[in-house]
Amino acid sequence: MARSIKKGPYVDPRVTRKIEGKSPKESGTIKTWARGSQISPDMVGFTFGVHNGKDHIDVFVTDEMVGHRLGEFAPTKKFHRHGGKMQKELEQRQREAEITAAKAAKAAGDSK
């Protein structure tokens, strides 16, 4: 749900305090747990360590990110893969294809 226009964007005051008076080049990763804080234009160029529930994920802020939330760029769930017998067979075929391609490239390199 969008935040009301009259309230304005929510930028966590602790995050703004951490970047005040600093330049992006001299400050390292700024750790934060404020996933709901919106990215403001003065945050561009900084690297934030956004907490995902387990550890901090580095997020480098660019111009296109302004207006989004910090938590959007630090996923909380890790995608393993879709499983099953068919998936294993597909991965096995892909590995075999890579091996044959590598052998062919090596043979072509040796013949020169």
PDB file of N, CA and C in Angstrom:
ATOM      1  N   MET A   1       0.836  -1.169   0.000  1.00  0.00           N
ATOM      2  CA  MET A   1       0.000   0.000   0.000  1.00  0.00           C
ATOM      3  C   MET A   1       0.886   1.240   0.000  1.00  0.00           C
ATOM      4  N   ALA A   2       0.566   2.202  -0.820  1.00  0.00           N
ATOM      5  CA  ALA A   2       1.380   3.401  -0.957  1.00  0.00           C
ATOM      6  C   ALA A   2       1.226   4.318   0.251  1.00  0.00           C
ATOM      7  N   ARG A   3       2.259   5.055   0.523  1.00  0.00           N
ATOM      8  CA  ARG A   3       2.230   6.015   1.624  1.00  0.00           C
ATOM      9  C   ARG A   3       1.541   7.288   1.150  1.00  0.00           C
ATOM     10  N   SER A   4       0.794   7.906   2.024  1.00  0.00           N
ATOM     11  CA  SER A   4       0.042   9.122   1.712  1.00  0.00           C
ATOM     12  C   SER A   4       0.973  10.242   1.245  1.00  0.00           C
ATOM     13  N   ILE A   5       0.518  11.013   0.274  1.00  0.00           N
ATOM     14  CA  ILE A   5       1.312  12.117  -0.270  1.00  0.00           C
ATOM     15  C   ILE A   5       1.599  13.164   0.805  1.00  0.00           C
ATOM     16  N   LYS A   6       0.610  13.452   1.656  1.00  0.00           N
ATOM     17  CA  LYS A   6       0.811  14.492   2.665  1.00  0.00           C
ATOM     18  C   LYS A   6       1.844  14.088   3.718  1.00  0.00           C
ATOM     19  N   LYS A   7       2.033  12.800   3.934  1.00  0.00           N
ATOM     20  CA  LYS A   7       3.031  12.349   4.901  1.00  0.00           C
ATOM     21  C   LYS A   7       4.440  12.412   4.325  1.00  0.00           C
ATOM     22  N   GLY A   8       4.560  12.234   3.029  1.00  0.00           N
ATOM     23  CA  GLY A   8       5.876  12.254   2.398  1.00  0.00           C
ATOM     24  C   GLY A   8       6.557  10.898   2.491  1.00  0.00           C
ATOM     25  N   PRO A   9       7.719  10.763   1.889  1.00  0.00           N
ATOM     26  CA  PRO A   9       8.421   9.474   1.906  1.00  0.00           C
ATOM     27  C   PRO A   9       8.981   9.173   3.292  1.00  0.00           C
ATOM     28  N   TYR A  10       9.050   7.897   3.620  1.00  0.00           N
ATOM     29  CA  TYR A  10       9.625   7.495   4.904  1.00  0.00           C
ATOM     30  C   TYR A  10      11.097   7.157   4.697  1.00  0.00           C
ATOM     31  N   VAL A  11      11.935   7.974   5.269  1.00  0.00           N
ATOM     32  CA  VAL A  11      13.368   7.708   5.278  1.00  0.00           C
ATOM     33  C   VAL A  11      13.769   7.628   6.737  1.00  0.00           C
ATOM     34  N   ASP A  12      14.322   6.500   7.127  1.00  0.00           N
ATOM     35  CA  ASP A  12      14.681   6.277   8.526  1.00  0.00           C
ATOM     36  C   ASP A  12      15.696   7.325   8.977  1.00  0.00           C
ATOM     37  N   PRO A  13      15.418   8.026  10.088  1.00  0.00           N
ATOM     38  CA  PRO A  13      16.348   9.073  10.544  1.00  0.00           C
ATOM     39  C   PRO A  13      17.732   8.535  10.910  1.00  0.00           C
ATOM     40  N   ARG A  14      17.804   7.284  11.366  1.00  0.00           N
ATOM     41  CA  ARG A  14      19.115   6.715  11.703  1.00  0.00           C
ATOM     42  C   ARG A  14      19.973   6.544  10.462  1.00  0.00           C
ATOM     43  N   VAL A  15      19.329   6.188   9.330  1.00  0.00           N
ATOM     44  CA  VAL A  15      20.077   6.021   8.082  1.00  0.00           C
ATOM     45  C   VAL A  15      20.582   7.379   7.599  1.00  0.00           C
ATOM     46  N   THR A  16      19.732   8.398   7.665  1.00  0.00           N
ATOM     47  CA  THR A  16      20.167   9.730   7.221  1.00  0.00           C
ATOM     48  C   THR A  16      21.281  10.274   8.116  1.00  0.00           C
ATOM     49  N   ARG A  17      21.218   9.962   9.428  1.00  0.00           N
ATOM     50  CA  ARG A  17      22.266  10.393  10.346  1.00  0.00           C
ATOM     51  C   ARG A  17      23.605   9.748  10.002  1.00  0.00           C
ATOM     52  N   LYS A  18      23.555   8.488   9.548  1.00  0.00           N
ATOM     53  CA  LYS A  18      24.794   7.773   9.227  1.00  0.00           C
ATOM     54  C   LYS A  18      25.480   8.307   7.974  1.00  0.00           C
ATOM     55  N   ILE A  19      24.703   8.898   7.045  1.00  0.00           N
ATOM     56  CA  ILE A  19      25.317   9.383   5.805  1.00  0.00           C
ATOM     57  C   ILE A  19      25.572  10.881   5.808  1.00  0.00           C
ATOM     58  N   GLU A  20      25.102  11.599   6.829  1.00  0.00           N
ATOM     59  CA  GLU A  20      25.292  13.048   6.886  1.00  0.00           C
ATOM     60  C   GLU A  20      26.767  13.400   6.954  1.00  0.00           C
ATOM     61  N   GLY A  21      27.180  14.325   6.097  1.00  0.00           N
ATOM     62  CA  GLY A  21      28.547  14.827   6.129  1.00  0.00           C
ATOM     63  C   GLY A  21      29.588  13.871   5.594  1.00  0.00           C
ATOM     64  N   LYS A  22      29.181  12.757   5.036  1.00  0.00           N
ATOM     65  CA  LYS A  22      30.124  11.780   4.494  1.00  0.00           C
ATOM     66  C   LYS A  22      30.016  11.753   2.982  1.00  0.00           C
ATOM     67  N   SER A  23      31.107  11.377   2.356  1.00  0.00           N
ATOM     68  CA  SER A  23      31.066  11.185   0.907  1.00  0.00           C
ATOM     69  C   SER A  23      31.039   9.681   0.640  1.00  0.00           C
ATOM     70  N   PRO A  24      30.452   9.264  -0.479  1.00  0.00           N
ATOM     71  CA  PRO A  24      30.371   7.837  -0.778  1.00  0.00           C
ATOM     72  C   PRO A  24      31.735   7.157  -0.902  1.00  0.00           C
ATOM     73  N   LYS A  25      32.745   7.917  -1.304  1.00  0.00           N
ATOM     74  CA  LYS A  25      34.066   7.322  -1.500  1.00  0.00           C
ATOM     75  C   LYS A  25      34.754   6.981  -0.190  1.00  0.00           C
ATOM     76  N   GLU A  26      34.622   7.848   0.807  1.00  0.00           N
ATOM     77  CA  GLU A  26      35.352   7.641   2.057  1.00  0.00           C
ATOM     78  C   GLU A  26      34.638   6.711   3.023  1.00  0.00           C
ATOM     79  N   SER A  27      33.321   6.568   2.904  1.00  0.00           N
ATOM     80  CA  SER A  27      32.605   5.686   3.824  1.00  0.00           C
ATOM     81  C   SER A  27      32.510   4.294   3.212  1.00  0.00           C
ATOM     82  N   GLY A  28      32.641   3.301   4.030  1.00  0.00           N
ATOM     83  CA  GLY A  28      32.544   1.924   3.557  1.00  0.00           C
ATOM     84  C   GLY A  28      31.083   1.503   3.498  1.00  0.00           C
ATOM     85  N   THR A  29      30.832   0.261   3.831  1.00  0.00           N
ATOM     86  CA  THR A  29      29.475  -0.251   3.861  1.00  0.00           C
ATOM     87  C   THR A  29      28.782   0.249   5.120  1.00  0.00           C
ATOM     88  N   ILE A  30      27.588   0.816   4.952  1.00  0.00           N
ATOM     89  CA  ILE A  30      26.798   1.320   6.072  1.00  0.00           C
ATOM     90  C   ILE A  30      25.755   0.264   6.411  1.00  0.00           C
ATOM     91  N   LYS A  31      25.904  -0.364   7.564  1.00  0.00           N
ATOM     92  CA  LYS A  31      24.978  -1.424   7.959  1.00  0.00           C
ATOM     93  C   LYS A  31      23.659  -0.834   8.431  1.00  0.00           C
ATOM     94  N   THR A  32      22.559  -1.465   8.009  1.00  0.00           N
ATOM     95  CA  THR A  32      21.243  -1.003   8.440  1.00  0.00           C
ATOM     96  C   THR A  32      20.271  -2.169   8.505  1.00  0.00           C
ATOM     97  N   TRP A  33      19.319  -2.025   9.408  1.00  0.00           N
ATOM     98  CA  TRP A  33      18.231  -2.990   9.528  1.00  0.00           C
ATOM     99  C   TRP A  33      16.936  -2.373   9.022  1.00  0.00           C
ATOM    100  N   ALA A  34      16.990  -1.152   8.529  1.00  0.00           N
ATOM    101  CA  ALA A  34      15.807  -0.407   8.096  1.00  0.00           C
ATOM    102  C   ALA A  34      15.453  -0.771   6.655  1.00  0.00           C
ATOM    103  N   ARG A  35      14.834  -1.923   6.476  1.00  0.00           N
ATOM    104  CA  ARG A  35      14.464  -2.390   5.140  1.00  0.00           C
ATOM    105  C   ARG A  35      13.335  -1.553   4.548  1.00  0.00           C
ATOM    106  N   GLY A  36      12.516  -0.938   5.387  1.00  0.00           N
ATOM    107  CA  GLY A  36      11.365  -0.171   4.926  1.00  0.00           C
ATOM    108  C   GLY A  36      11.698   1.260   4.564  1.00  0.00           C
ATOM    109  N   SER A  37      12.932   1.666   4.763  1.00  0.00           N
ATOM    110  CA  SER A  37      13.331   3.038   4.473  1.00  0.00           C
ATOM    111  C   SER A  37      13.445   3.245   2.968  1.00  0.00           C
ATOM    112  N   GLN A  38      12.867   4.365   2.491  1.00  0.00           N
ATOM    113  CA  GLN A  38      12.952   4.665   1.066  1.00  0.00           C
ATOM    114  C   GLN A  38      14.316   5.255   0.739  1.00  0.00           C
ATOM    115  N   ILE A  39      14.740   5.054  -0.501  1.00  0.00           N
ATOM    116  CA  ILE A  39      16.016   5.577  -0.957  1.00  0.00           C
ATOM    117  C   ILE A  39      15.804   7.002  -1.460  1.00  0.00           C
ATOM    118  N   SER A  40      16.541   7.926  -0.875  1.00  0.00           N
ATOM    119  CA  SER A  40      16.439   9.333  -1.270  1.00  0.00           C
ATOM    120  C   SER A  40      17.611   9.686  -2.193  1.00  0.00           C
ATOM    121  N   PRO A  41      17.509  10.796  -2.920  1.00  0.00           N
ATOM    122  CA  PRO A  41      18.586  11.158  -3.845  1.00  0.00           C
ATOM    123  C   PRO A  41      19.951  11.372  -3.187  1.00  0.00           C
ATOM    124  N   ASP A  42      19.974  11.760  -1.901  1.00  0.00           N
ATOM    125  CA  ASP A  42      21.270  11.965  -1.258  1.00  0.00           C
ATOM    126  C   ASP A  42      21.958  10.663  -0.872  1.00  0.00           C
ATOM    127  N   MET A  43      21.297   9.517  -1.058  1.00  0.00           N
ATOM    128  CA  MET A  43      21.887   8.211  -0.764  1.00  0.00           C
ATOM    129  C   MET A  43      22.612   7.608  -1.969  1.00  0.00           C
ATOM    130  N   VAL A  44      22.483   8.248  -3.129  1.00  0.00           N
ATOM    131  CA  VAL A  44      23.076   7.705  -4.353  1.00  0.00           C
ATOM    132  C   VAL A  44      24.596   7.669  -4.217  1.00  0.00           C
ATOM    133  N   GLY A  45      25.170   6.516  -4.537  1.00  0.00           N
ATOM    134  CA  GLY A  45      26.618   6.332  -4.479  1.00  0.00           C
ATOM    135  C   GLY A  45      27.087   5.598  -3.236  1.00  0.00           C
ATOM    136  N   PHE A  46      26.255   5.538  -2.204  1.00  0.00           N
ATOM    137  CA  PHE A  46      26.627   4.838  -0.983  1.00  0.00           C
ATOM    138  C   PHE A  46      26.360   3.338  -1.118  1.00  0.00           C
ATOM    139  N   THR A  47      27.076   2.558  -0.333  1.00  0.00           N
ATOM    140  CA  THR A  47      26.838   1.118  -0.267  1.00  0.00           C
ATOM    141  C   THR A  47      26.249   0.820   1.103  1.00  0.00           C
ATOM    142  N   PHE A  48      25.067   0.209   1.113  1.00  0.00           N
ATOM    143  CA  PHE A  48      24.389  -0.138   2.355  1.00  0.00           C
ATOM    144  C   PHE A  48      24.429  -1.641   2.551  1.00  0.00           C
ATOM    145  N   GLY A  49      24.665  -2.058   3.784  1.00  0.00           N
ATOM    146  CA  GLY A  49      24.565  -3.463   4.148  1.00  0.00           C
ATOM    147  C   GLY A  49      23.171  -3.670   4.715  1.00  0.00           C
ATOM    148  N   VAL A  50      22.240  -4.151   3.892  1.00  0.00           N
ATOM    149  CA  VAL A  50      20.845  -4.300   4.295  1.00  0.00           C
ATOM    150  C   VAL A  50      20.657  -5.693   4.892  1.00  0.00           C
ATOM    151  N   HIS A  51      20.100  -5.746   6.076  1.00  0.00           N
ATOM    152  CA  HIS A  51      19.922  -7.020   6.778  1.00  0.00           C
ATOM    153  C   HIS A  51      18.750  -7.789   6.182  1.00  0.00           C
ATOM    154  N   ASN A  52      18.959  -9.075   5.911  1.00  0.00           N
ATOM    155  CA  ASN A  52      17.895  -9.883   5.321  1.00  0.00           C
ATOM    156  C   ASN A  52      17.331 -10.896   6.306  1.00  0.00           C
ATOM    157  N   GLY A  53      17.682 -10.766   7.573  1.00  0.00           N
ATOM    158  CA  GLY A  53      17.209 -11.694   8.578  1.00  0.00           C
ATOM    159  C   GLY A  53      18.302 -12.626   9.044  1.00  0.00           C
ATOM    160  N   LYS A  54      19.326 -12.795   8.229  1.00  0.00           N
ATOM    161  CA  LYS A  54      20.449 -13.658   8.585  1.00  0.00           C
ATOM    162  C   LYS A  54      21.765 -12.905   8.563  1.00  0.00           C
ATOM    163  N   ASP A  55      22.023 -12.190   7.476  1.00  0.00           N
ATOM    164  CA  ASP A  55      23.246 -11.412   7.381  1.00  0.00           C
ATOM    165  C   ASP A  55      22.990 -10.160   6.547  1.00  0.00           C
ATOM    166  N   HIS A  56      24.011  -9.346   6.387  1.00  0.00           N
ATOM    167  CA  HIS A  56      23.875  -8.092   5.650  1.00  0.00           C
ATOM    168  C   HIS A  56      24.278  -8.298   4.196  1.00  0.00           C
ATOM    169  N   ILE A  57      23.431  -7.835   3.291  1.00  0.00           N
ATOM    170  CA  ILE A  57      23.689  -7.940   1.860  1.00  0.00           C
ATOM    171  C   ILE A  57      24.045  -6.545   1.357  1.00  0.00           C
ATOM    172  N   ASP A  58      25.184  -6.432   0.673  1.00  0.00           N
ATOM    173  CA  ASP A  58      25.628  -5.139   0.162  1.00  0.00           C
ATOM    174  C   ASP A  58      24.751  -4.688  -0.998  1.00  0.00           C
ATOM    175  N   VAL A  59      24.263  -3.454  -0.899  1.00  0.00           N
ATOM    176  CA  VAL A  59      23.425  -2.845  -1.940  1.00  0.00           C
ATOM    177  C   VAL A  59      24.064  -1.515  -2.309  1.00  0.00           C
ATOM    178  N   PHE A  60      24.542  -1.401  -3.561  1.00  0.00           N
ATOM    179  CA  PHE A  60      25.104  -0.147  -4.052  1.00  0.00           C
ATOM    180  C   PHE A  60      23.964   0.651  -4.663  1.00  0.00           C
ATOM    181  N   VAL A  61      23.725   1.847  -4.160  1.00  0.00           N
ATOM    182  CA  VAL A  61      22.578   2.654  -4.566  1.00  0.00           C
ATOM    183  C   VAL A  61      22.919   3.456  -5.827  1.00  0.00           C
ATOM    184  N   THR A  62      22.052   3.328  -6.854  1.00  0.00           N
ATOM    185  CA  THR A  62      22.205   4.075  -8.098  1.00  0.00           C
ATOM    186  C   THR A  62      21.003   4.996  -8.290  1.00  0.00           C
ATOM    187  N   ASP A  63      21.033   5.796  -9.353  1.00  0.00           N
ATOM    188  CA  ASP A  63      19.956   6.751  -9.621  1.00  0.00           C
ATOM    189  C   ASP A  63      18.604   6.076  -9.832  1.00  0.00           C
ATOM    190  N   GLU A  64      18.606   4.906 -10.457  1.00  0.00           N
ATOM    191  CA  GLU A  64      17.345   4.222 -10.765  1.00  0.00           C
ATOM    192  C   GLU A  64      16.634   3.699  -9.513  1.00  0.00           C
ATOM    193  N   MET A  65      17.348   3.595  -8.406  1.00  0.00           N
ATOM    194  CA  MET A  65      16.781   3.038  -7.171  1.00  0.00           C
ATOM    195  C   MET A  65      16.033   4.080  -6.336  1.00  0.00           C
ATOM    196  N   VAL A  66      16.160   5.358  -6.658  1.00  0.00           N
ATOM    197  CA  VAL A  66      15.546   6.411  -5.849  1.00  0.00           C
ATOM    198  C   VAL A  66      14.034   6.231  -5.845  1.00  0.00           C
ATOM    199  N   GLY A  67      13.445   6.245  -4.654  1.00  0.00           N
ATOM    200  CA  GLY A  67      12.001   6.061  -4.497  1.00  0.00           C
ATOM    201  C   GLY A  67      11.634   4.651  -4.099  1.00  0.00           C
ATOM    202  N   HIS A  68      12.527   3.694  -4.312  1.00  0.00           N
ATOM    203  CA  HIS A  68      12.276   2.314  -3.904  1.00  0.00           C
ATOM    204  C   HIS A  68      12.702   2.138  -2.448  1.00  0.00           C
ATOM    205  N   ARG A  69      12.410   0.986  -1.893  1.00  0.00           N
ATOM    206  CA  ARG A  69      12.798   0.686  -0.510  1.00  0.00           C
ATOM    207  C   ARG A  69      14.103  -0.090  -0.497  1.00  0.00           C
ATOM    208  N   LEU A  70      14.871   0.040   0.582  1.00  0.00           N
ATOM    209  CA  LEU A  70      16.135  -0.686   0.689  1.00  0.00           C
ATOM    210  C   LEU A  70      15.919  -2.196   0.683  1.00  0.00           C
ATOM    211  N   GLY A  71      14.843  -2.647   1.308  1.00  0.00           N
ATOM    212  CA  GLY A  71      14.576  -4.078   1.409  1.00  0.00           C
ATOM    213  C   GLY A  71      14.280  -4.754   0.087  1.00  0.00           C
ATOM    214  N   GLU A  72      13.922  -3.992  -0.951  1.00  0.00           N
ATOM    215  CA  GLU A  72      13.630  -4.589  -2.252  1.00  0.00           C
ATOM    216  C   GLU A  72      14.866  -5.193  -2.897  1.00  0.00           C
ATOM    217  N   PHE A  73      16.038  -4.735  -2.498  1.00  0.00           N
ATOM    218  CA  PHE A  73      17.275  -5.164  -3.135  1.00  0.00           C
ATOM    219  C   PHE A  73      18.049  -6.165  -2.292  1.00  0.00           C
ATOM    220  N   ALA A  74      17.456  -6.631  -1.202  1.00  0.00           N
ATOM    221  CA  ALA A  74      18.073  -7.639  -0.342  1.00  0.00           C
ATOM    222  C   ALA A  74      17.042  -8.734  -0.080  1.00  0.00           C
ATOM    223  N   PRO A  75      16.971  -9.747  -0.950  1.00  0.00           N
ATOM    224  CA  PRO A  75      15.947 -10.787  -0.782  1.00  0.00           C
ATOM    225  C   PRO A  75      16.133 -11.566   0.517  1.00  0.00           C
ATOM    226  N   THR A  76      15.000 -11.921   1.123  1.00  0.00           N
ATOM    227  CA  THR A  76      15.043 -12.631   2.399  1.00  0.00           C
ATOM    228  C   THR A  76      15.000 -14.144   2.219  1.00  0.00           C
ATOM    229  N   LYS A  77      14.639 -14.593   1.044  1.00  0.00           N
ATOM    230  CA  LYS A  77      14.564 -16.033   0.799  1.00  0.00           C
ATOM    231  C   LYS A  77      15.547 -16.412  -0.292  1.00  0.00           C
ATOM    232  N   LYS A  78      16.173 -17.562  -0.112  1.00  0.00           N
ATOM    233  CA  LYS A  78      17.166 -18.027  -1.069  1.00  0.00           C
ATOM    234  C   LYS A  78      16.534 -19.078  -1.969  1.00  0.00           C
ATOM    235  N   PHE A  79      16.606 -18.836  -3.284  1.00  0.00           N
ATOM    236  CA  PHE A  79      16.052 -19.797  -4.231  1.00  0.00           C
ATOM    237  C   PHE A  79      17.074 -20.897  -4.442  1.00  0.00           C
ATOM    238  N   HIS A  80      16.691 -22.135  -4.138  1.00  0.00           N
ATOM    239  CA  HIS A  80      17.596 -23.263  -4.336  1.00  0.00           C
ATOM    240  C   HIS A  80      17.472 -23.759  -5.772  1.00  0.00           C
ATOM    241  N   ARG A  81      16.356 -24.324  -6.107  1.00  0.00           N
ATOM    242  CA  ARG A  81      16.039 -24.740  -7.475  1.00  0.00           C
ATOM    243  C   ARG A  81      14.747 -25.520  -7.432  1.00  0.00           C
ATOM    244  N   HIS A  82      14.131 -25.648  -8.583  1.00  0.00           N
ATOM    245  CA  HIS A  82      12.992 -26.530  -8.687  1.00  0.00           C
ATOM    246  C   HIS A  82      13.548 -27.934  -8.784  1.00  0.00           C
ATOM    247  N   GLY A  83      12.946 -28.841  -8.082  1.00  0.00           N
ATOM    248  CA  GLY A  83      13.536 -30.165  -7.985  1.00  0.00           C
ATOM    249  C   GLY A  83      12.849 -31.198  -8.843  1.00  0.00           C
ATOM    250  N   GLY A  84      13.129 -32.419  -8.516  1.00  0.00           N
ATOM    251  CA  GLY A  84      12.511 -33.528  -9.209  1.00  0.00           C
ATOM    252  C   GLY A  84      13.475 -34.253 -10.124  1.00  0.00           C
ATOM    253  N   LYS A  85      13.015 -35.381 -10.603  1.00  0.00           N
ATOM    254  CA  LYS A  85      13.821 -36.256 -11.450  1.00  0.00           C
ATOM    255  C   LYS A  85      14.137 -35.586 -12.786  1.00  0.00           C
ATOM    256  N   MET A  86      13.149 -34.913 -13.375  1.00  0.00           N
ATOM    257  CA  MET A  86      13.368 -34.272 -14.672  1.00  0.00           C
ATOM    258  C   MET A  86      14.438 -33.189 -14.578  1.00  0.00           C
ATOM    259  N   GLN A  87      14.433 -32.420 -13.518  1.00  0.00           N
ATOM    260  CA  GLN A  87      15.422 -31.352 -13.353  1.00  0.00           C
ATOM    261  C   GLN A  87      16.825 -31.930 -13.254  1.00  0.00           C
ATOM    262  N   LYS A  88      16.995 -33.030 -12.530  1.00  0.00           N
ATOM    263  CA  LYS A  88      18.309 -33.655 -12.399  1.00  0.00           C
ATOM    264  C   LYS A  88      18.797 -34.157 -13.751  1.00  0.00           C
ATOM    265  N   GLU A  89      17.901 -34.741 -14.535  1.00  0.00           N
ATOM    266  CA  GLU A  89      18.280 -35.236 -15.861  1.00  0.00           C
ATOM    267  C   GLU A  89      18.698 -34.076 -16.773  1.00  0.00           C
ATOM    268  N   LEU A  90      17.963 -32.964 -16.726  1.00  0.00           N
ATOM    269  CA  LEU A  90      18.314 -31.802 -17.535  1.00  0.00           C
ATOM    270  C   LEU A  90      19.692 -31.248 -17.149  1.00  0.00           C
ATOM    271  N   GLU A  91      19.963 -31.169 -15.860  1.00  0.00           N
ATOM    272  CA  GLU A  91      21.253 -30.669 -15.408  1.00  0.00           C
ATOM    273  C   GLU A  91      22.385 -31.601 -15.819  1.00  0.00           C
ATOM    274  N   GLN A  92      22.146 -32.910 -15.772  1.00  0.00           N
ATOM    275  CA  GLN A  92      23.154 -33.883 -16.179  1.00  0.00           C
ATOM    276  C   GLN A  92      23.472 -33.737 -17.667  1.00  0.00           C
ATOM    277  N   ARG A  93      22.444 -33.572 -18.490  1.00  0.00           N
ATOM    278  CA  ARG A  93      22.660 -33.377 -19.931  1.00  0.00           C
ATOM    279  C   ARG A  93      23.434 -32.096 -20.203  1.00  0.00           C
ATOM    280  N   GLN A  94      23.109 -31.057 -19.463  1.00  0.00           N
ATOM    281  CA  GLN A  94      23.797 -29.781 -19.638  1.00  0.00           C
ATOM    282  C   GLN A  94      25.271 -29.911 -19.277  1.00  0.00           C
ATOM    283  N   ARG A  95      25.583 -30.599 -18.181  1.00  0.00           N
ATOM    284  CA  ARG A  95      26.976 -30.819 -17.794  1.00  0.00           C
ATOM    285  C   ARG A  95      27.729 -31.606 -18.861  1.00  0.00           C
ATOM    286  N   GLU A  96      27.085 -32.651 -19.395  1.00  0.00           N
ATOM    287  CA  GLU A  96      27.725 -33.450 -20.442  1.00  0.00           C
ATOM    288  C   GLU A  96      27.990 -32.622 -21.686  1.00  0.00           C
ATOM    289  N   ALA A  97      27.060 -31.752 -22.054  1.00  0.00           N
ATOM    290  CA  ALA A  97      27.241 -30.886 -23.220  1.00  0.00           C
ATOM    291  C   ALA A  97      28.406 -29.925 -23.011  1.00  0.00           C
ATOM    292  N   GLU A  98      28.539 -29.395 -21.796  1.00  0.00           N
ATOM    293  CA  GLU A  98      29.654 -28.497 -21.500  1.00  0.00           C
ATOM    294  C   GLU A  98      30.982 -29.229 -21.579  1.00  0.00           C
ATOM    295  N   ILE A  99      31.024 -30.453 -21.098  1.00  0.00           N
ATOM    296  CA  ILE A  99      32.255 -31.246 -21.135  1.00  0.00           C
ATOM    297  C   ILE A  99      32.660 -31.547 -22.570  1.00  0.00           C
ATOM    298  N   THR A 100      31.705 -31.954 -23.395  1.00  0.00           N
ATOM    299  CA  THR A 100      32.027 -32.250 -24.799  1.00  0.00           C
ATOM    300  C   THR A 100      32.469 -30.990 -25.540  1.00  0.00           C
ATOM    301  N   ALA A 101      31.850 -29.851 -25.230  1.00  0.00           N
ATOM    302  CA  ALA A 101      32.253 -28.593 -25.866  1.00  0.00           C
ATOM    303  C   ALA A 101      33.675 -28.215 -25.452  1.00  0.00           C
ATOM    304  N   ALA A 102      34.016 -28.423 -24.195  1.00  0.00           N
ATOM    305  CA  ALA A 102      35.358 -28.122 -23.704  1.00  0.00           C
ATOM    306  C   ALA A 102      36.389 -29.038 -24.365  1.00  0.00           C
ATOM    307  N   LYS A 103      36.051 -30.319 -24.529  1.00  0.00           N
ATOM    308  CA  LYS A 103      36.966 -31.265 -25.182  1.00  0.00           C
ATOM    309  C   LYS A 103      37.179 -30.892 -26.632  1.00  0.00           C
ATOM    310  N   ALA A 104      36.089 -30.493 -27.298  1.00  0.00           N
ATOM    311  CA  ALA A 104      36.198 -30.107 -28.703  1.00  0.00           C
ATOM    312  C   ALA A 104      37.061 -28.855 -28.861  1.00  0.00           C
ATOM    313  N   ALA A 105      36.906 -27.898 -27.956  1.00  0.00           N
ATOM    314  CA  ALA A 105      37.695 -26.681 -28.012  1.00  0.00           C
ATOM    315  C   ALA A 105      39.177 -26.978 -27.740  1.00  0.00           C
ATOM    316  N   LYS A 106      39.424 -27.898 -26.836  1.00  0.00           N
ATOM    317  CA  LYS A 106      40.794 -28.274 -26.523  1.00  0.00           C
ATOM    318  C   LYS A 106      41.443 -28.988 -27.693  1.00  0.00           C
ATOM    319  N   ALA A 107      40.680 -29.876 -28.348  1.00  0.00           N
ATOM    320  CA  ALA A 107      41.185 -30.604 -29.512  1.00  0.00           C
ATOM    321  C   ALA A 107      41.466 -29.628 -30.664  1.00  0.00           C
ATOM    322  N   ALA A 108      40.605 -28.639 -30.844  1.00  0.00           N
ATOM    323  CA  ALA A 108      40.822 -27.651 -31.903  1.00  0.00           C
ATOM    324  C   ALA A 108      42.051 -26.794 -31.597  1.00  0.00           C
ATOM    325  N   GLY A 109      42.292 -26.507 -30.337  1.00  0.00           N
ATOM    326  CA  GLY A 109      43.451 -25.720 -29.936  1.00  0.00           C
ATOM    327  C   GLY A 109      44.740 -26.489 -30.093  1.00  0.00           C
ATOM    328  N   ASP A 110      44.700 -27.818 -29.860  1.00  0.00           N
ATOM    329  CA  ASP A 110      45.886 -28.644 -29.994  1.00  0.00           C
ATOM    330  C   ASP A 110      46.283 -28.864 -31.451  1.00  0.00           C
ATOM    331  N   SER A 111      45.304 -28.871 -32.354  1.00  0.00           N
ATOM    332  CA  SER A 111      45.589 -29.150 -33.768  1.00  0.00           C
ATOM    333  C   SER A 111      46.259 -27.967 -34.468  1.00  0.00           C
ATOM    334  N   LYS A 112      46.190 -26.773 -33.906  1.00  0.00           N
ATOM    335  CA  LYS A 112      46.802 -25.592 -34.545  1.00  0.00           C
ATOM    336  C   LYS A 112      48.270 -25.580 -34.429  1.00  0.00           C
TER     337      LYS A 112
END
